[in-house]
Amino acid sequence: MSIAQIFEKVDKNKDGKISWDEFADAICVFSPSMSSGEIDKMFKELDVDGDGQIDAVEFAPCMVLDGGKENDDGEAALKEAFDLYDLDRDGKISASEIHVVLKRLGEKHSLEECIKMVRAVDADGDGFVSYEEFKTMMMR
């Protein structure tokens, strides 16, 4: 099952965002004894922009990481998350691609903000985020 398919299953009302209640319902299926405090902590870690909902971009990393260890499933999920942004499939993510994806997700970020996002992870200074740079960022 792909990250997008899992996201769609958790997003019960199909609004493109996972609410706290939708998230808690999904977590309780796998960990019925998890406290609401633990669920809240997980939710807040994934809700990077603090809007009280988890979008597809925020959701992808939780499917990639396995206690900080890499595995074959994690690598495939990480590649899938990278591909969400790499719209032209050239193997690198530009600021304009990030801008388009975030806009589709209803996020309001300027192109200048997206350029800053790229610069923050662009280790080789080429103006793009490579798969390796993306992987490093996600494993932090």
C-alpha atoms as a PDB file:
ATOM      1  CA  MET A   1       0.000   0.000   0.000  1.00  0.00           C
ATOM      2  CA  SER A   2       1.422   3.404  -0.951  1.00  0.00           C
ATOM      3  CA  ILE A   3       1.757   6.392   1.368  1.00  0.00           C
ATOM      4  CA  ALA A   4      -1.008   8.141  -0.576  1.00  0.00           C
ATOM      5  CA  GLN A   5      -3.356   5.163  -0.152  1.00  0.00           C
ATOM      6  CA  ILE A   6      -2.672   4.994   3.589  1.00  0.00           C
ATOM      7  CA  PHE A   7      -3.220   8.754   3.873  1.00  0.00           C
ATOM      8  CA  GLU A   8      -6.567   8.420   2.069  1.00  0.00           C
ATOM      9  CA  LYS A   9      -7.678   5.660   4.453  1.00  0.00           C
ATOM     10  CA  VAL A  10      -6.826   7.745   7.529  1.00  0.00           C
ATOM     11  CA  ASP A  11      -8.435  10.891   6.031  1.00  0.00           C
ATOM     12  CA  LYS A  12     -11.989   9.670   6.659  1.00  0.00           C
ATOM     13  CA  ASN A  13     -13.791  12.854   5.544  1.00  0.00           C
ATOM     14  CA  LYS A  14     -11.598  13.177   2.401  1.00  0.00           C
ATOM     15  CA  ASP A  15     -10.728  16.845   2.995  1.00  0.00           C
ATOM     16  CA  GLY A  16      -7.024  16.341   2.244  1.00  0.00           C
ATOM     17  CA  LYS A  17      -6.023  16.751   5.895  1.00  0.00           C
ATOM     18  CA  ILE A  18      -5.897  14.382   8.853  1.00  0.00           C
ATOM     19  CA  SER A  19      -7.524  15.790  11.965  1.00  0.00           C
ATOM     20  CA  TRP A  20      -6.510  14.817  15.486  1.00  0.00           C
ATOM     21  CA  ASP A  21      -9.591  12.564  15.747  1.00  0.00           C
ATOM     22  CA  GLU A  22      -8.840  10.807  12.447  1.00  0.00           C
ATOM     23  CA  PHE A  23      -5.219  10.343  13.520  1.00  0.00           C
ATOM     24  CA  ALA A  24      -6.207   9.029  16.960  1.00  0.00           C
ATOM     25  CA  ASP A  25      -8.667   6.549  15.413  1.00  0.00           C
ATOM     26  CA  ALA A  26      -5.942   5.194  13.113  1.00  0.00           C
ATOM     27  CA  ILE A  27      -3.352   4.948  15.895  1.00  0.00           C
ATOM     28  CA  CYS A  28      -5.785   3.160  18.201  1.00  0.00           C
ATOM     29  CA  VAL A  29      -6.274   0.435  15.585  1.00  0.00           C
ATOM     30  CA  PHE A  30      -2.585  -0.471  15.888  1.00  0.00           C
ATOM     31  CA  SER A  31      -1.941   0.546  19.494  1.00  0.00           C
ATOM     32  CA  PRO A  32      -5.201   0.404  21.466  1.00  0.00           C
ATOM     33  CA  SER A  33      -3.411   0.995  24.768  1.00  0.00           C
ATOM     34  CA  MET A  34      -1.729   4.230  23.648  1.00  0.00           C
ATOM     35  CA  SER A  35      -2.766   7.170  25.817  1.00  0.00           C
ATOM     36  CA  SER A  36      -4.294  10.314  24.374  1.00  0.00           C
ATOM     37  CA  GLY A  37      -1.232  12.184  25.662  1.00  0.00           C
ATOM     38  CA  GLU A  38       1.066   9.948  23.619  1.00  0.00           C
ATOM     39  CA  ILE A  39      -1.157  10.340  20.558  1.00  0.00           C
ATOM     40  CA  ASP A  40      -1.183  14.107  21.071  1.00  0.00           C
ATOM     41  CA  LYS A  41       2.616  14.181  21.243  1.00  0.00           C
ATOM     42  CA  MET A  42       2.910  12.179  17.996  1.00  0.00           C
ATOM     43  CA  PHE A  43       0.318  14.368  16.299  1.00  0.00           C
ATOM     44  CA  LYS A  44       2.117  17.578  17.275  1.00  0.00           C
ATOM     45  CA  GLU A  45       5.448  16.207  16.001  1.00  0.00           C
ATOM     46  CA  LEU A  46       3.896  15.468  12.595  1.00  0.00           C
ATOM     47  CA  ASP A  47       1.924  18.737  12.421  1.00  0.00           C
ATOM     48  CA  VAL A  48       5.000  20.701  11.369  1.00  0.00           C
ATOM     49  CA  ASP A  49       3.152  23.894  10.434  1.00  0.00           C
ATOM     50  CA  GLY A  50       1.071  23.815  13.637  1.00  0.00           C
ATOM     51  CA  ASP A  51      -2.276  24.231  11.866  1.00  0.00           C
ATOM     52  CA  GLY A  52      -3.914  21.429  13.870  1.00  0.00           C
ATOM     53  CA  GLN A  53      -4.054  19.062  10.904  1.00  0.00           C
ATOM     54  CA  ILE A  54      -1.629  16.754   9.121  1.00  0.00           C
ATOM     55  CA  ASP A  55      -1.389  17.111   5.358  1.00  0.00           C
ATOM     56  CA  ALA A  56       0.089  14.550   2.957  1.00  0.00           C
ATOM     57  CA  VAL A  57       3.539  16.140   3.034  1.00  0.00           C
ATOM     58  CA  GLU A  58       3.628  16.115   6.840  1.00  0.00           C
ATOM     59  CA  PHE A  59       2.299  12.535   6.879  1.00  0.00           C
ATOM     60  CA  ALA A  60       4.903  11.029   4.539  1.00  0.00           C
ATOM     61  CA  PRO A  61       7.839  11.135   7.000  1.00  0.00           C
ATOM     62  CA  CYS A  62       5.984   9.072   9.603  1.00  0.00           C
ATOM     63  CA  MET A  63       5.725   6.309   7.023  1.00  0.00           C
ATOM     64  CA  VAL A  64       9.422   6.568   6.168  1.00  0.00           C
ATOM     65  CA  LEU A  65      11.152   6.476   9.515  1.00  0.00           C
ATOM     66  CA  ASP A  66      11.458   3.324  11.574  1.00  0.00           C
ATOM     67  CA  GLY A  67      13.130   4.360  14.795  1.00  0.00           C
ATOM     68  CA  GLY A  68      15.849   6.119  12.812  1.00  0.00           C
ATOM     69  CA  LYS A  69      16.831   2.879  11.041  1.00  0.00           C
ATOM     70  CA  GLU A  70      16.673   2.423   7.319  1.00  0.00           C
ATOM     71  CA  ASN A  71      14.964  -0.597   5.822  1.00  0.00           C
ATOM     72  CA  ASP A  72      13.714  -1.579   2.366  1.00  0.00           C
ATOM     73  CA  ASP A  73      10.143  -0.421   3.095  1.00  0.00           C
ATOM     74  CA  GLY A  74      11.471   2.830   4.527  1.00  0.00           C
ATOM     75  CA  GLU A  75      13.648   3.416   1.480  1.00  0.00           C
ATOM     76  CA  ALA A  76      10.704   2.845  -0.861  1.00  0.00           C
ATOM     77  CA  ALA A  77       8.493   5.150   1.205  1.00  0.00           C
ATOM     78  CA  LEU A  78      11.214   7.784   1.270  1.00  0.00           C
ATOM     79  CA  LYS A  79      11.541   7.616  -2.520  1.00  0.00           C
ATOM     80  CA  GLU A  80       7.773   7.935  -2.819  1.00  0.00           C
ATOM     81  CA  ALA A  81       7.807  10.995  -0.553  1.00  0.00           C
ATOM     82  CA  PHE A  82      10.588  12.510  -2.686  1.00  0.00           C
ATOM     83  CA  ASP A  83       8.563  11.809  -5.825  1.00  0.00           C
ATOM     84  CA  LEU A  84       5.617  13.765  -4.372  1.00  0.00           C
ATOM     85  CA  TYR A  85       7.742  16.888  -4.853  1.00  0.00           C
ATOM     86  CA  ASP A  86       9.784  15.952  -7.929  1.00  0.00           C
ATOM     87  CA  LEU A  87       7.011  16.871 -10.347  1.00  0.00           C
ATOM     88  CA  ASP A  88       9.107  16.807 -13.532  1.00  0.00           C
ATOM     89  CA  ARG A  89      10.832  13.550 -12.485  1.00  0.00           C
ATOM     90  CA  ASP A  90      14.332  14.946 -13.105  1.00  0.00           C
ATOM     91  CA  GLY A  91      15.717  13.557  -9.843  1.00  0.00           C
ATOM     92  CA  LYS A  92      15.846  16.864  -8.011  1.00  0.00           C
ATOM     93  CA  ILE A  93      13.368  19.171  -6.315  1.00  0.00           C
ATOM     94  CA  SER A  94      13.271  22.859  -7.180  1.00  0.00           C
ATOM     95  CA  ALA A  95      11.806  25.678  -5.127  1.00  0.00           C
ATOM     96  CA  SER A  96       9.066  26.084  -7.731  1.00  0.00           C
ATOM     97  CA  GLU A  97       8.111  22.391  -7.408  1.00  0.00           C
ATOM     98  CA  ILE A  98       7.846  22.783  -3.634  1.00  0.00           C
ATOM     99  CA  HIS A  99       5.749  25.898  -4.201  1.00  0.00           C
ATOM    100  CA  VAL A 100       3.347  24.041  -6.537  1.00  0.00           C
ATOM    101  CA  VAL A 101       2.974  21.056  -4.177  1.00  0.00           C
ATOM    102  CA  LEU A 102       2.371  23.231  -1.127  1.00  0.00           C
ATOM    103  CA  LYS A 103      -0.146  25.323  -3.058  1.00  0.00           C
ATOM    104  CA  ARG A 104      -2.028  22.159  -4.083  1.00  0.00           C
ATOM    105  CA  LEU A 105      -2.140  21.184  -0.426  1.00  0.00           C
ATOM    106  CA  GLY A 106      -3.668  24.532   0.470  1.00  0.00           C
ATOM    107  CA  GLU A 107      -0.504  25.871   2.091  1.00  0.00           C
ATOM    108  CA  LYS A 108       0.231  29.553   1.618  1.00  0.00           C
ATOM    109  CA  HIS A 109       3.977  29.920   1.094  1.00  0.00           C
ATOM    110  CA  SER A 110       5.625  32.386  -1.237  1.00  0.00           C
ATOM    111  CA  LEU A 111       8.162  31.274  -3.815  1.00  0.00           C
ATOM    112  CA  GLU A 112      10.783  33.156  -1.765  1.00  0.00           C
ATOM    113  CA  GLU A 113       9.921  31.007   1.276  1.00  0.00           C
ATOM    114  CA  CYS A 114      10.282  27.884  -0.856  1.00  0.00           C
ATOM    115  CA  ILE A 115      13.692  29.087  -2.053  1.00  0.00           C
ATOM    116  CA  LYS A 116      14.732  29.404   1.603  1.00  0.00           C
ATOM    117  CA  MET A 117      13.472  25.853   2.250  1.00  0.00           C
ATOM    118  CA  VAL A 118      15.670  24.547  -0.572  1.00  0.00           C
ATOM    119  CA  ARG A 119      18.708  26.503   0.629  1.00  0.00           C
ATOM    120  CA  ALA A 120      18.269  25.035   4.117  1.00  0.00           C
ATOM    121  CA  VAL A 121      18.920  21.489   2.829  1.00  0.00           C
ATOM    122  CA  ASP A 122      20.916  22.123  -0.373  1.00  0.00           C
ATOM    123  CA  ALA A 123      24.277  20.733   0.773  1.00  0.00           C
ATOM    124  CA  ASP A 124      26.002  20.969  -2.621  1.00  0.00           C
ATOM    125  CA  GLY A 125      24.717  24.479  -3.384  1.00  0.00           C
ATOM    126  CA  ASP A 126      23.235  23.659  -6.798  1.00  0.00           C
ATOM    127  CA  GLY A 127      19.888  25.287  -6.002  1.00  0.00           C
ATOM    128  CA  PHE A 128      17.978  21.998  -5.872  1.00  0.00           C
ATOM    129  CA  VAL A 129      17.251  19.259  -3.333  1.00  0.00           C
ATOM    130  CA  SER A 130      18.672  15.952  -4.517  1.00  0.00           C
ATOM    131  CA  TYR A 131      17.353  12.616  -3.308  1.00  0.00           C
ATOM    132  CA  GLU A 132      20.369  12.232  -0.998  1.00  0.00           C
ATOM    133  CA  GLU A 133      19.826  15.719   0.475  1.00  0.00           C
ATOM    134  CA  PHE A 134      16.123  14.916   0.925  1.00  0.00           C
ATOM    135  CA  LYS A 135      17.003  11.636   2.602  1.00  0.00           C
ATOM    136  CA  THR A 136      19.433  13.385   4.973  1.00  0.00           C
ATOM    137  CA  MET A 137      16.768  15.948   5.855  1.00  0.00           C
ATOM    138  CA  MET A 138      14.133  13.281   6.536  1.00  0.00           C
ATOM    139  CA  MET A 139      16.443  11.180   8.704  1.00  0.00           C
ATOM    140  CA  ARG A 140      17.270  14.079  11.055  1.00  0.00           C
END
